[in-house]
Amino acid sequence: MRKILCFPAAALLAALFWLPASGQPVVSDHAAVASAIARQLQEYPESRVQDIYKSFCQDNLGPEHLIPNPDAARNYLHRELQEYRDELDSLRLEVPDRLFCPVGDQGNYVRVDLAVILNGMIGEDEYLDAFVRSANQGRKVSRAEWKAKWSEVAAVIRAAFPDIPDAAEDLRKIDSLVAGDNLILHHSQAFGRAYRPHYRIIARNVFDEVILPRCKAY
C-alpha cells in the first residue's frame, strides 16, 4: 500500500481558516454560499450539483441517522477500512490530497477521510467514538429549514454556476426529490469515480476536540 501522509498542521489550519470558531453560528448569505460552492469546485472539479447538495445537506442535517448501536457502526467501519486498503493496493491509487474537508458554508461538520486511521494518526475506536458522538448530537436544522436553505443554494447555482455539467437537469431532479421529502442523496457517479470517497462527517466541536489535536501532534 502506498504511504499515507497526514496534512501538516499548518496546512490543515489553512484549510479550515474560513470556519467560525466551534459553536459560533454563521448567518448565511448568498456570498457565503457562492464561496463554498466555488471552493468545492476548485478542490473537487468533478463535483456535480448532487455533490454540492450533499455538502450543504451534511452541513445542515449532519449524519443521516442516530447511532444507537455502536457495535454495528464499528463492524461497518472495520469492513470499509479493509475495502479501502484493498482498493489502494489493487488499484494502486494515491490517497486523497485532503484528509479533512469542511462542508457547506457554515462548517458545522468536517469530512474526515478514513486514511487518518490507516496512517496511524488516530485509532479506529477513537475515530468511531468521534463519529458516534457527532451523529448522536442530532440535526442542526429542521427539514423545513433545510428545504428553505436548499432553495437558496439552488438559486445561487442557477445564477452563478450554470456551467456545472448537467446542472439544469440535476437541479430539476433534486428539487423534485426534496419536494417529496427525499432529503438524503449519495455522491454523484462522477464524484465517486474521480475521488472514491471514504469518510465520515464529524461535528466541528468534536473535530476540534479529538481530530485536530491528533493532527497537530502527528
N, C-alpha and C. Protein backbone atom coordinates (compact mmCIF):
# COMPACT_ATOMS: atom_id res chain seq x y z
N MET A 1 0.84 -1.19 0.00
CA MET A 1 0.00 0.00 0.00
C MET A 1 0.87 1.24 0.00
N ARG A 2 0.45 2.26 -0.72
CA ARG A 2 1.23 3.49 -0.75
C ARG A 2 1.22 4.16 0.62
N LYS A 3 2.30 4.85 0.93
CA LYS A 3 2.39 5.53 2.21
C LYS A 3 1.36 6.64 2.26
N ILE A 4 0.69 6.77 3.40
CA ILE A 4 -0.34 7.77 3.58
C ILE A 4 0.21 8.85 4.50
N LEU A 5 0.16 10.06 4.04
CA LEU A 5 0.70 11.17 4.78
C LEU A 5 -0.43 12.03 5.34
N CYS A 6 -0.27 12.49 6.54
CA CYS A 6 -1.23 13.40 7.13
C CYS A 6 -0.95 14.82 6.65
N PHE A 7 -1.99 15.63 6.54
CA PHE A 7 -1.80 17.05 6.32
C PHE A 7 -0.90 17.60 7.42
N PRO A 8 0.14 18.38 7.09
CA PRO A 8 0.85 19.10 8.15
C PRO A 8 -0.12 19.99 8.90
N ALA A 9 0.15 20.25 10.15
CA ALA A 9 -0.78 21.05 10.96
C ALA A 9 -1.03 22.41 10.33
N ALA A 10 0.02 23.06 9.81
CA ALA A 10 -0.16 24.39 9.23
C ALA A 10 -1.09 24.34 8.03
N ALA A 11 -0.94 23.29 7.20
CA ALA A 11 -1.81 23.18 6.03
C ALA A 11 -3.24 22.91 6.44
N LEU A 12 -3.42 22.11 7.49
CA LEU A 12 -4.77 21.85 7.97
C LEU A 12 -5.41 23.13 8.47
N LEU A 13 -4.68 23.90 9.23
CA LEU A 13 -5.24 25.14 9.74
C LEU A 13 -5.59 26.09 8.60
N ALA A 14 -4.78 26.09 7.55
CA ALA A 14 -5.09 26.92 6.40
C ALA A 14 -6.36 26.45 5.73
N ALA A 15 -6.54 25.14 5.68
CA ALA A 15 -7.74 24.60 5.05
C ALA A 15 -8.99 24.94 5.83
N LEU A 16 -8.86 25.17 7.13
CA LEU A 16 -10.01 25.44 7.98
C LEU A 16 -10.12 26.92 8.35
N PHE A 17 -9.33 27.78 7.73
CA PHE A 17 -9.24 29.16 8.20
C PHE A 17 -10.55 29.91 8.12
N TRP A 18 -11.40 29.51 7.16
CA TRP A 18 -12.62 30.27 6.92
C TRP A 18 -13.74 29.90 7.86
N LEU A 19 -13.57 28.86 8.68
CA LEU A 19 -14.65 28.42 9.55
C LEU A 19 -14.76 29.32 10.77
N PRO A 20 -16.00 29.48 11.28
CA PRO A 20 -16.15 30.16 12.56
C PRO A 20 -15.62 29.27 13.67
N ALA A 21 -15.39 29.86 14.82
CA ALA A 21 -15.00 29.05 15.97
C ALA A 21 -16.12 28.08 16.29
N SER A 22 -15.74 26.92 16.83
CA SER A 22 -16.72 25.90 17.15
C SER A 22 -17.80 26.47 18.06
N GLY A 23 -19.07 26.20 17.68
CA GLY A 23 -20.20 26.66 18.48
C GLY A 23 -20.68 28.04 18.15
N GLN A 24 -20.03 28.74 17.21
CA GLN A 24 -20.44 30.06 16.83
C GLN A 24 -21.10 30.01 15.45
N PRO A 25 -22.46 30.16 15.38
CA PRO A 25 -23.14 30.04 14.10
C PRO A 25 -22.83 31.20 13.18
N VAL A 26 -22.95 30.94 11.89
CA VAL A 26 -22.74 31.96 10.88
C VAL A 26 -24.08 32.28 10.24
N VAL A 27 -24.38 33.56 10.04
CA VAL A 27 -25.58 33.94 9.32
C VAL A 27 -25.34 33.72 7.84
N SER A 28 -26.17 32.88 7.22
CA SER A 28 -25.97 32.53 5.82
C SER A 28 -26.31 33.69 4.92
N ASP A 29 -25.58 33.84 3.83
CA ASP A 29 -25.93 34.79 2.80
C ASP A 29 -25.47 34.24 1.47
N HIS A 30 -25.90 34.87 0.38
CA HIS A 30 -25.59 34.35 -0.94
C HIS A 30 -24.08 34.33 -1.20
N ALA A 31 -23.36 35.34 -0.68
CA ALA A 31 -21.92 35.39 -0.91
C ALA A 31 -21.22 34.20 -0.24
N ALA A 32 -21.65 33.85 0.97
CA ALA A 32 -21.04 32.71 1.67
C ALA A 32 -21.36 31.42 0.95
N VAL A 33 -22.59 31.28 0.46
CA VAL A 33 -22.98 30.09 -0.29
C VAL A 33 -22.16 29.98 -1.57
N ALA A 34 -22.05 31.08 -2.32
CA ALA A 34 -21.28 31.06 -3.56
C ALA A 34 -19.82 30.74 -3.31
N SER A 35 -19.26 31.27 -2.21
CA SER A 35 -17.87 30.99 -1.88
C SER A 35 -17.66 29.52 -1.58
N ALA A 36 -18.60 28.91 -0.85
CA ALA A 36 -18.48 27.49 -0.52
C ALA A 36 -18.58 26.62 -1.77
N ILE A 37 -19.48 26.98 -2.69
CA ILE A 37 -19.62 26.22 -3.93
C ILE A 37 -18.35 26.35 -4.77
N ALA A 38 -17.82 27.56 -4.89
CA ALA A 38 -16.60 27.78 -5.66
C ALA A 38 -15.44 26.99 -5.08
N ARG A 39 -15.37 26.94 -3.74
CA ARG A 39 -14.30 26.20 -3.07
C ARG A 39 -14.41 24.71 -3.38
N GLN A 40 -15.63 24.17 -3.36
CA GLN A 40 -15.79 22.76 -3.66
C GLN A 40 -15.40 22.46 -5.10
N LEU A 41 -15.79 23.32 -6.03
CA LEU A 41 -15.48 23.08 -7.43
C LEU A 41 -13.98 23.21 -7.70
N GLN A 42 -13.30 24.03 -6.92
CA GLN A 42 -11.85 24.15 -7.08
C GLN A 42 -11.15 22.92 -6.52
N GLU A 43 -11.60 22.43 -5.37
CA GLU A 43 -10.94 21.30 -4.73
C GLU A 43 -11.37 19.97 -5.32
N TYR A 44 -12.60 19.90 -5.81
CA TYR A 44 -13.15 18.66 -6.39
C TYR A 44 -13.83 19.02 -7.72
N PRO A 45 -13.04 19.26 -8.77
CA PRO A 45 -13.59 19.76 -10.03
C PRO A 45 -14.60 18.84 -10.71
N GLU A 46 -14.61 17.56 -10.34
CA GLU A 46 -15.59 16.65 -10.92
C GLU A 46 -16.92 16.67 -10.16
N SER A 47 -17.07 17.59 -9.24
CA SER A 47 -18.33 17.69 -8.50
C SER A 47 -19.48 18.03 -9.43
N ARG A 48 -20.63 17.48 -9.11
CA ARG A 48 -21.87 17.82 -9.78
C ARG A 48 -22.81 18.49 -8.78
N VAL A 49 -23.95 18.93 -9.26
CA VAL A 49 -24.91 19.58 -8.36
C VAL A 49 -25.25 18.66 -7.19
N GLN A 50 -25.37 17.38 -7.45
CA GLN A 50 -25.69 16.39 -6.42
C GLN A 50 -24.67 16.43 -5.29
N ASP A 51 -23.40 16.64 -5.61
CA ASP A 51 -22.34 16.66 -4.60
C ASP A 51 -22.37 17.97 -3.81
N ILE A 52 -22.73 19.05 -4.49
CA ILE A 52 -22.90 20.32 -3.77
C ILE A 52 -24.08 20.21 -2.82
N TYR A 53 -25.17 19.61 -3.30
CA TYR A 53 -26.32 19.37 -2.43
C TYR A 53 -25.89 18.57 -1.20
N LYS A 54 -25.14 17.52 -1.40
CA LYS A 54 -24.73 16.65 -0.29
C LYS A 54 -23.90 17.42 0.73
N SER A 55 -23.00 18.27 0.26
CA SER A 55 -22.16 19.03 1.17
C SER A 55 -22.99 19.95 2.05
N PHE A 56 -23.90 20.70 1.44
CA PHE A 56 -24.73 21.62 2.22
C PHE A 56 -25.71 20.85 3.11
N CYS A 57 -26.22 19.72 2.62
CA CYS A 57 -27.12 18.91 3.42
C CYS A 57 -26.41 18.38 4.66
N GLN A 58 -25.20 17.89 4.50
CA GLN A 58 -24.43 17.41 5.65
C GLN A 58 -24.16 18.54 6.63
N ASP A 59 -23.89 19.73 6.13
CA ASP A 59 -23.62 20.87 6.99
C ASP A 59 -24.83 21.20 7.86
N ASN A 60 -26.03 21.04 7.28
CA ASN A 60 -27.24 21.45 7.97
C ASN A 60 -27.91 20.32 8.74
N LEU A 61 -27.91 19.11 8.20
CA LEU A 61 -28.61 18.00 8.84
C LEU A 61 -27.69 17.04 9.59
N GLY A 62 -26.39 17.11 9.32
CA GLY A 62 -25.46 16.22 9.99
C GLY A 62 -25.54 14.80 9.45
N PRO A 63 -25.02 13.81 10.19
CA PRO A 63 -25.10 12.41 9.75
C PRO A 63 -26.54 11.99 9.50
N GLU A 64 -26.71 10.98 8.63
CA GLU A 64 -28.05 10.58 8.20
C GLU A 64 -28.89 10.04 9.34
N HIS A 65 -28.26 9.33 10.29
CA HIS A 65 -29.03 8.66 11.32
C HIS A 65 -28.33 8.78 12.67
N LEU A 66 -29.11 8.71 13.73
CA LEU A 66 -28.53 8.48 15.05
C LEU A 66 -27.95 7.07 15.09
N ILE A 67 -27.02 6.83 16.03
CA ILE A 67 -26.36 5.53 16.10
C ILE A 67 -26.60 4.93 17.48
N PRO A 68 -27.72 4.22 17.64
CA PRO A 68 -28.00 3.61 18.95
C PRO A 68 -27.14 2.38 19.22
N ASN A 69 -26.55 1.79 18.15
CA ASN A 69 -25.79 0.56 18.30
C ASN A 69 -24.36 0.78 17.77
N PRO A 70 -23.44 1.23 18.63
CA PRO A 70 -22.07 1.48 18.18
C PRO A 70 -21.38 0.23 17.63
N ASP A 71 -21.76 -0.96 18.12
CA ASP A 71 -21.11 -2.18 17.63
C ASP A 71 -21.37 -2.38 16.14
N ALA A 72 -22.59 -2.12 15.70
CA ALA A 72 -22.90 -2.25 14.28
C ALA A 72 -22.12 -1.22 13.48
N ALA A 73 -22.01 0.00 14.00
CA ALA A 73 -21.24 1.03 13.32
C ALA A 73 -19.76 0.66 13.27
N ARG A 74 -19.25 0.03 14.34
CA ARG A 74 -17.86 -0.41 14.37
C ARG A 74 -17.59 -1.48 13.31
N ASN A 75 -18.51 -2.44 13.21
CA ASN A 75 -18.34 -3.50 12.21
C ASN A 75 -18.35 -2.94 10.79
N TYR A 76 -19.24 -2.01 10.55
CA TYR A 76 -19.32 -1.41 9.21
C TYR A 76 -18.05 -0.62 8.90
N LEU A 77 -17.57 0.13 9.89
CA LEU A 77 -16.34 0.90 9.70
C LEU A 77 -15.17 -0.04 9.44
N HIS A 78 -15.08 -1.13 10.18
CA HIS A 78 -13.98 -2.06 10.01
C HIS A 78 -13.99 -2.66 8.60
N ARG A 79 -15.17 -3.02 8.11
CA ARG A 79 -15.27 -3.57 6.75
C ARG A 79 -14.86 -2.53 5.71
N GLU A 80 -15.29 -1.30 5.91
CA GLU A 80 -14.94 -0.27 4.93
C GLU A 80 -13.44 0.03 4.95
N LEU A 81 -12.83 -0.03 6.11
CA LEU A 81 -11.38 0.17 6.19
C LEU A 81 -10.64 -0.91 5.39
N GLN A 82 -11.08 -2.15 5.50
CA GLN A 82 -10.45 -3.22 4.74
C GLN A 82 -10.66 -3.03 3.24
N GLU A 83 -11.86 -2.60 2.86
CA GLU A 83 -12.12 -2.31 1.45
C GLU A 83 -11.22 -1.19 0.95
N TYR A 84 -11.01 -0.19 1.79
CA TYR A 84 -10.15 0.94 1.43
C TYR A 84 -8.71 0.46 1.22
N ARG A 85 -8.22 -0.36 2.15
CA ARG A 85 -6.86 -0.90 2.00
C ARG A 85 -6.75 -1.69 0.70
N ASP A 86 -7.72 -2.55 0.44
CA ASP A 86 -7.68 -3.37 -0.78
C ASP A 86 -7.73 -2.50 -2.02
N GLU A 87 -8.53 -1.45 -1.97
CA GLU A 87 -8.65 -0.54 -3.11
C GLU A 87 -7.33 0.15 -3.40
N LEU A 88 -6.68 0.64 -2.35
CA LEU A 88 -5.40 1.32 -2.53
C LEU A 88 -4.35 0.37 -3.10
N ASP A 89 -4.35 -0.86 -2.62
CA ASP A 89 -3.35 -1.83 -3.06
C ASP A 89 -3.63 -2.34 -4.48
N SER A 90 -4.84 -2.77 -4.73
CA SER A 90 -5.14 -3.43 -6.01
C SER A 90 -5.18 -2.44 -7.17
N LEU A 91 -5.66 -1.23 -6.91
CA LEU A 91 -5.77 -0.25 -7.99
C LEU A 91 -4.60 0.72 -8.02
N ARG A 92 -3.68 0.57 -7.06
CA ARG A 92 -2.50 1.45 -6.97
C ARG A 92 -2.91 2.92 -7.00
N LEU A 93 -3.85 3.24 -6.12
CA LEU A 93 -4.38 4.59 -6.05
C LEU A 93 -3.57 5.44 -5.09
N GLU A 94 -3.53 6.72 -5.36
CA GLU A 94 -2.98 7.67 -4.41
C GLU A 94 -4.07 7.99 -3.39
N VAL A 95 -3.67 8.24 -2.16
CA VAL A 95 -4.64 8.69 -1.17
C VAL A 95 -5.02 10.13 -1.49
N PRO A 96 -6.15 10.61 -1.00
CA PRO A 96 -6.56 11.98 -1.32
C PRO A 96 -5.59 13.01 -0.79
N ASP A 97 -5.47 14.11 -1.50
CA ASP A 97 -4.61 15.20 -1.03
C ASP A 97 -5.16 15.82 0.25
N ARG A 98 -6.48 15.85 0.34
CA ARG A 98 -7.10 16.46 1.52
C ARG A 98 -7.70 15.37 2.39
N LEU A 99 -7.27 15.28 3.61
CA LEU A 99 -7.82 14.31 4.54
C LEU A 99 -8.98 14.90 5.34
N PHE A 100 -9.14 16.22 5.29
CA PHE A 100 -10.18 16.89 6.03
C PHE A 100 -10.86 17.90 5.11
N CYS A 101 -12.19 17.96 5.14
CA CYS A 101 -12.90 18.88 4.28
C CYS A 101 -14.15 19.39 4.99
N PRO A 102 -14.15 20.66 5.41
CA PRO A 102 -15.38 21.22 5.98
C PRO A 102 -16.49 21.22 4.93
N VAL A 103 -17.73 21.08 5.36
CA VAL A 103 -18.84 21.01 4.42
C VAL A 103 -19.70 22.26 4.49
N GLY A 104 -20.38 22.54 3.37
CA GLY A 104 -21.32 23.65 3.32
C GLY A 104 -20.66 25.00 3.50
N ASP A 105 -21.48 25.97 3.86
CA ASP A 105 -20.97 27.33 4.03
C ASP A 105 -20.77 27.71 5.49
N GLN A 106 -21.21 26.83 6.41
CA GLN A 106 -21.06 27.16 7.82
C GLN A 106 -20.08 26.23 8.55
N GLY A 107 -19.74 25.10 7.95
CA GLY A 107 -18.73 24.23 8.54
C GLY A 107 -19.14 23.63 9.86
N ASN A 108 -20.44 23.27 9.99
CA ASN A 108 -20.87 22.61 11.22
C ASN A 108 -20.24 21.22 11.36
N TYR A 109 -19.88 20.63 10.22
CA TYR A 109 -19.28 19.29 10.19
C TYR A 109 -18.06 19.31 9.28
N VAL A 110 -17.17 18.35 9.52
CA VAL A 110 -15.96 18.20 8.72
C VAL A 110 -15.89 16.76 8.23
N ARG A 111 -15.69 16.55 6.93
CA ARG A 111 -15.44 15.20 6.42
C ARG A 111 -14.02 14.80 6.79
N VAL A 112 -13.89 13.66 7.43
CA VAL A 112 -12.57 13.17 7.85
C VAL A 112 -12.33 11.84 7.17
N ASP A 113 -11.36 11.82 6.26
CA ASP A 113 -11.06 10.63 5.47
C ASP A 113 -10.60 9.48 6.38
N LEU A 114 -11.00 8.27 6.03
CA LEU A 114 -10.60 7.10 6.83
C LEU A 114 -9.10 6.86 6.78
N ALA A 115 -8.40 7.52 5.87
CA ALA A 115 -6.95 7.38 5.81
C ALA A 115 -6.28 7.83 7.10
N VAL A 116 -6.94 8.67 7.90
CA VAL A 116 -6.33 9.08 9.17
C VAL A 116 -6.20 7.89 10.13
N ILE A 117 -7.01 6.86 9.93
CA ILE A 117 -6.85 5.62 10.71
C ILE A 117 -5.73 4.77 10.11
N LEU A 118 -5.73 4.66 8.78
CA LEU A 118 -4.74 3.82 8.12
C LEU A 118 -3.32 4.32 8.37
N ASN A 119 -3.14 5.63 8.50
CA ASN A 119 -1.78 6.13 8.70
C ASN A 119 -1.39 6.23 10.17
N GLY A 120 -2.30 5.79 11.07
CA GLY A 120 -1.97 5.76 12.48
C GLY A 120 -2.13 7.06 13.21
N MET A 121 -2.72 8.06 12.57
CA MET A 121 -2.88 9.35 13.23
C MET A 121 -3.89 9.26 14.37
N ILE A 122 -4.90 8.41 14.19
CA ILE A 122 -5.91 8.24 15.22
C ILE A 122 -6.35 6.78 15.20
N GLY A 123 -6.69 6.25 16.34
CA GLY A 123 -7.12 4.86 16.41
C GLY A 123 -8.54 4.67 15.90
N GLU A 124 -8.83 3.46 15.48
CA GLU A 124 -10.16 3.14 14.94
C GLU A 124 -11.25 3.40 15.98
N ASP A 125 -11.03 3.00 17.22
CA ASP A 125 -12.04 3.19 18.24
C ASP A 125 -12.27 4.67 18.55
N GLU A 126 -11.20 5.44 18.58
CA GLU A 126 -11.33 6.87 18.88
C GLU A 126 -12.05 7.58 17.73
N TYR A 127 -11.74 7.19 16.50
CA TYR A 127 -12.42 7.75 15.33
C TYR A 127 -13.91 7.43 15.40
N LEU A 128 -14.21 6.16 15.69
CA LEU A 128 -15.61 5.74 15.77
C LEU A 128 -16.34 6.52 16.85
N ASP A 129 -15.71 6.69 18.01
CA ASP A 129 -16.34 7.43 19.09
C ASP A 129 -16.65 8.86 18.66
N ALA A 130 -15.72 9.50 17.92
CA ALA A 130 -15.96 10.86 17.43
C ALA A 130 -17.15 10.89 16.49
N PHE A 131 -17.26 9.87 15.63
CA PHE A 131 -18.38 9.81 14.70
C PHE A 131 -19.70 9.58 15.43
N VAL A 132 -19.72 8.65 16.37
CA VAL A 132 -20.95 8.35 17.11
C VAL A 132 -21.41 9.58 17.90
N ARG A 133 -20.47 10.24 18.57
CA ARG A 133 -20.81 11.48 19.29
C ARG A 133 -21.41 12.51 18.34
N SER A 134 -20.83 12.64 17.17
CA SER A 134 -21.31 13.61 16.19
C SER A 134 -22.72 13.26 15.72
N ALA A 135 -22.92 11.97 15.40
CA ALA A 135 -24.23 11.54 14.90
C ALA A 135 -25.31 11.72 15.95
N ASN A 136 -24.98 11.45 17.19
CA ASN A 136 -25.99 11.49 18.25
C ASN A 136 -26.26 12.89 18.79
N GLN A 137 -25.54 13.88 18.27
CA GLN A 137 -25.87 15.26 18.61
C GLN A 137 -27.19 15.69 17.96
N GLY A 138 -27.58 15.00 16.88
CA GLY A 138 -28.84 15.33 16.23
C GLY A 138 -28.68 16.39 15.16
N ARG A 139 -29.78 16.67 14.47
CA ARG A 139 -29.77 17.61 13.36
C ARG A 139 -29.55 19.04 13.83
N LYS A 140 -28.90 19.83 12.97
CA LYS A 140 -28.71 21.25 13.26
C LYS A 140 -29.97 22.06 12.94
N VAL A 141 -30.72 21.67 11.91
CA VAL A 141 -31.90 22.41 11.50
C VAL A 141 -33.03 21.42 11.23
N SER A 142 -34.24 21.93 11.14
CA SER A 142 -35.39 21.09 10.81
C SER A 142 -35.41 20.80 9.31
N ARG A 143 -36.24 19.84 8.91
CA ARG A 143 -36.39 19.53 7.49
C ARG A 143 -36.91 20.75 6.73
N ALA A 144 -37.86 21.46 7.30
CA ALA A 144 -38.41 22.65 6.63
C ALA A 144 -37.33 23.71 6.45
N GLU A 145 -36.52 23.90 7.48
CA GLU A 145 -35.43 24.88 7.36
C GLU A 145 -34.43 24.45 6.30
N TRP A 146 -34.16 23.12 6.22
CA TRP A 146 -33.23 22.65 5.19
C TRP A 146 -33.79 22.88 3.80
N LYS A 147 -35.07 22.65 3.60
CA LYS A 147 -35.67 22.87 2.28
C LYS A 147 -35.54 24.34 1.87
N ALA A 148 -35.73 25.24 2.82
CA ALA A 148 -35.57 26.67 2.52
C ALA A 148 -34.11 26.98 2.18
N LYS A 149 -33.20 26.36 2.93
CA LYS A 149 -31.77 26.57 2.66
C LYS A 149 -31.41 26.06 1.28
N TRP A 150 -31.91 24.87 0.91
CA TRP A 150 -31.60 24.34 -0.41
C TRP A 150 -32.13 25.25 -1.51
N SER A 151 -33.28 25.85 -1.33
CA SER A 151 -33.80 26.79 -2.33
C SER A 151 -32.82 27.93 -2.54
N GLU A 152 -32.21 28.39 -1.46
CA GLU A 152 -31.20 29.45 -1.55
C GLU A 152 -29.97 28.96 -2.32
N VAL A 153 -29.48 27.76 -1.96
CA VAL A 153 -28.30 27.22 -2.63
C VAL A 153 -28.58 26.99 -4.11
N ALA A 154 -29.75 26.42 -4.42
CA ALA A 154 -30.10 26.15 -5.82
C ALA A 154 -30.17 27.44 -6.62
N ALA A 155 -30.69 28.50 -6.01
CA ALA A 155 -30.76 29.79 -6.71
C ALA A 155 -29.37 30.31 -7.04
N VAL A 156 -28.43 30.13 -6.11
CA VAL A 156 -27.05 30.57 -6.36
C VAL A 156 -26.43 29.75 -7.48
N ILE A 157 -26.67 28.44 -7.49
CA ILE A 157 -26.13 27.59 -8.57
C ILE A 157 -26.68 28.04 -9.92
N ARG A 158 -27.98 28.28 -9.99
CA ARG A 158 -28.59 28.71 -11.26
C ARG A 158 -28.00 30.03 -11.75
N ALA A 159 -27.76 30.94 -10.81
CA ALA A 159 -27.30 32.27 -11.18
C ALA A 159 -25.80 32.33 -11.47
N ALA A 160 -25.01 31.60 -10.68
CA ALA A 160 -23.56 31.79 -10.74
C ALA A 160 -22.77 30.60 -11.26
N PHE A 161 -23.39 29.40 -11.27
CA PHE A 161 -22.65 28.20 -11.66
C PHE A 161 -23.43 27.35 -12.67
N PRO A 162 -23.96 27.97 -13.70
CA PRO A 162 -24.77 27.20 -14.67
C PRO A 162 -23.95 26.24 -15.52
N ASP A 163 -22.62 26.39 -15.51
CA ASP A 163 -21.77 25.56 -16.37
C ASP A 163 -21.38 24.23 -15.72
N ILE A 164 -21.81 23.98 -14.49
CA ILE A 164 -21.60 22.65 -13.92
C ILE A 164 -22.27 21.64 -14.84
N PRO A 165 -21.60 20.56 -15.23
CA PRO A 165 -22.23 19.60 -16.15
C PRO A 165 -23.60 19.14 -15.68
N ASP A 166 -24.57 19.21 -16.59
CA ASP A 166 -25.94 18.73 -16.34
C ASP A 166 -26.61 19.48 -15.18
N ALA A 167 -26.19 20.72 -14.95
CA ALA A 167 -26.70 21.45 -13.78
C ALA A 167 -28.21 21.62 -13.82
N ALA A 168 -28.74 22.07 -14.95
CA ALA A 168 -30.17 22.36 -15.02
C ALA A 168 -31.01 21.11 -14.76
N GLU A 169 -30.64 20.00 -15.41
CA GLU A 169 -31.39 18.77 -15.24
C GLU A 169 -31.26 18.23 -13.82
N ASP A 170 -30.05 18.29 -13.26
CA ASP A 170 -29.85 17.79 -11.90
C ASP A 170 -30.62 18.64 -10.89
N LEU A 171 -30.66 19.94 -11.11
CA LEU A 171 -31.42 20.80 -10.20
C LEU A 171 -32.90 20.45 -10.23
N ARG A 172 -33.44 20.18 -11.41
CA ARG A 172 -34.84 19.79 -11.51
C ARG A 172 -35.10 18.48 -10.75
N LYS A 173 -34.22 17.51 -10.93
CA LYS A 173 -34.40 16.22 -10.26
C LYS A 173 -34.31 16.37 -8.74
N ILE A 174 -33.31 17.12 -8.28
CA ILE A 174 -33.13 17.27 -6.84
C ILE A 174 -34.27 18.07 -6.23
N ASP A 175 -34.72 19.12 -6.91
CA ASP A 175 -35.85 19.89 -6.40
C ASP A 175 -37.08 18.99 -6.25
N SER A 176 -37.29 18.08 -7.20
CA SER A 176 -38.42 17.17 -7.12
C SER A 176 -38.28 16.21 -5.94
N LEU A 177 -37.07 15.69 -5.73
CA LEU A 177 -36.83 14.79 -4.59
C LEU A 177 -37.05 15.51 -3.27
N VAL A 178 -36.53 16.72 -3.14
CA VAL A 178 -36.66 17.47 -1.90
C VAL A 178 -38.13 17.80 -1.64
N ALA A 179 -38.87 18.15 -2.68
CA ALA A 179 -40.30 18.42 -2.51
C ALA A 179 -41.04 17.20 -2.01
N GLY A 180 -40.56 16.01 -2.38
CA GLY A 180 -41.16 14.76 -1.92
C GLY A 180 -40.59 14.27 -0.60
N ASP A 181 -39.79 15.12 0.07
CA ASP A 181 -39.21 14.81 1.39
C ASP A 181 -38.13 13.74 1.31
N ASN A 182 -37.54 13.54 0.13
CA ASN A 182 -36.38 12.66 -0.02
C ASN A 182 -35.12 13.53 0.06
N LEU A 183 -34.56 13.64 1.25
CA LEU A 183 -33.54 14.64 1.51
C LEU A 183 -32.11 14.11 1.44
N ILE A 184 -31.91 12.81 1.59
CA ILE A 184 -30.57 12.25 1.68
C ILE A 184 -30.16 11.67 0.33
N LEU A 185 -29.10 12.19 -0.26
CA LEU A 185 -28.61 11.73 -1.56
C LEU A 185 -27.18 11.23 -1.43
N HIS A 186 -26.80 10.30 -2.31
CA HIS A 186 -25.43 9.83 -2.39
C HIS A 186 -24.61 10.80 -3.25
N HIS A 187 -23.29 10.59 -3.26
CA HIS A 187 -22.46 11.33 -4.20
C HIS A 187 -22.82 10.94 -5.63
N SER A 188 -22.52 11.84 -6.56
CA SER A 188 -22.75 11.53 -7.97
C SER A 188 -21.78 10.44 -8.44
N GLN A 189 -22.12 9.79 -9.53
CA GLN A 189 -21.22 8.78 -10.10
C GLN A 189 -19.91 9.40 -10.52
N ALA A 190 -19.96 10.62 -11.05
CA ALA A 190 -18.72 11.29 -11.49
C ALA A 190 -17.80 11.53 -10.30
N PHE A 191 -18.36 11.97 -9.18
CA PHE A 191 -17.56 12.21 -7.97
C PHE A 191 -16.99 10.90 -7.45
N GLY A 192 -17.82 9.87 -7.42
CA GLY A 192 -17.36 8.57 -6.93
C GLY A 192 -16.22 8.00 -7.75
N ARG A 193 -16.33 8.11 -9.08
CA ARG A 193 -15.25 7.61 -9.95
C ARG A 193 -13.96 8.39 -9.75
N ALA A 194 -14.08 9.71 -9.61
CA ALA A 194 -12.89 10.57 -9.55
C ALA A 194 -12.19 10.51 -8.20
N TYR A 195 -12.96 10.40 -7.11
CA TYR A 195 -12.37 10.58 -5.78
C TYR A 195 -12.54 9.38 -4.85
N ARG A 196 -13.38 8.41 -5.20
CA ARG A 196 -13.57 7.21 -4.39
C ARG A 196 -13.61 7.56 -2.90
N PRO A 197 -14.62 8.31 -2.48
CA PRO A 197 -14.63 8.83 -1.10
C PRO A 197 -14.83 7.74 -0.05
N HIS A 198 -14.05 7.84 1.01
CA HIS A 198 -14.20 7.00 2.21
C HIS A 198 -14.03 7.93 3.40
N TYR A 199 -15.12 8.36 3.99
CA TYR A 199 -15.03 9.31 5.09
C TYR A 199 -16.24 9.19 5.99
N ARG A 200 -16.17 9.84 7.15
CA ARG A 200 -17.32 10.09 8.00
C ARG A 200 -17.35 11.59 8.26
N ILE A 201 -18.54 12.11 8.55
CA ILE A 201 -18.59 13.52 8.92
C ILE A 201 -18.57 13.62 10.44
N ILE A 202 -17.73 14.52 10.93
CA ILE A 202 -17.52 14.72 12.36
C ILE A 202 -17.96 16.14 12.70
N ALA A 203 -18.74 16.27 13.77
CA ALA A 203 -19.18 17.60 14.20
C ALA A 203 -17.97 18.48 14.49
N ARG A 204 -18.09 19.74 14.15
CA ARG A 204 -16.94 20.64 14.27
C ARG A 204 -16.41 20.69 15.70
N ASN A 205 -17.30 20.71 16.70
CA ASN A 205 -16.80 20.77 18.07
C ASN A 205 -16.04 19.50 18.44
N VAL A 206 -16.50 18.34 17.94
CA VAL A 206 -15.80 17.08 18.21
C VAL A 206 -14.49 17.03 17.42
N PHE A 207 -14.51 17.51 16.19
CA PHE A 207 -13.29 17.58 15.39
C PHE A 207 -12.24 18.42 16.11
N ASP A 208 -12.64 19.59 16.60
CA ASP A 208 -11.69 20.46 17.29
C ASP A 208 -11.12 19.79 18.54
N GLU A 209 -11.94 19.00 19.22
CA GLU A 209 -11.53 18.37 20.47
C GLU A 209 -10.67 17.13 20.24
N VAL A 210 -11.02 16.32 19.22
CA VAL A 210 -10.40 15.00 19.07
C VAL A 210 -9.44 14.92 17.89
N ILE A 211 -9.89 15.33 16.70
CA ILE A 211 -9.11 15.11 15.48
C ILE A 211 -7.99 16.15 15.34
N LEU A 212 -8.31 17.41 15.50
CA LEU A 212 -7.32 18.47 15.27
C LEU A 212 -6.10 18.33 16.16
N PRO A 213 -6.23 18.06 17.45
CA PRO A 213 -5.02 17.87 18.27
C PRO A 213 -4.17 16.70 17.80
N ARG A 214 -4.80 15.64 17.32
CA ARG A 214 -4.05 14.50 16.82
C ARG A 214 -3.23 14.91 15.61
N CYS A 215 -3.81 15.69 14.75
CA CYS A 215 -3.08 16.11 13.54
C CYS A 215 -1.89 17.00 13.91
N LYS A 216 -2.11 17.91 14.85
CA LYS A 216 -1.02 18.80 15.26
C LYS A 216 0.13 18.02 15.89
N ALA A 217 -0.21 16.90 16.55
CA ALA A 217 0.82 16.12 17.24
C ALA A 217 1.46 15.07 16.36
N TYR A 218 0.90 14.84 15.16
CA TYR A 218 1.35 13.73 14.32
C TYR A 218 2.67 14.04 13.65
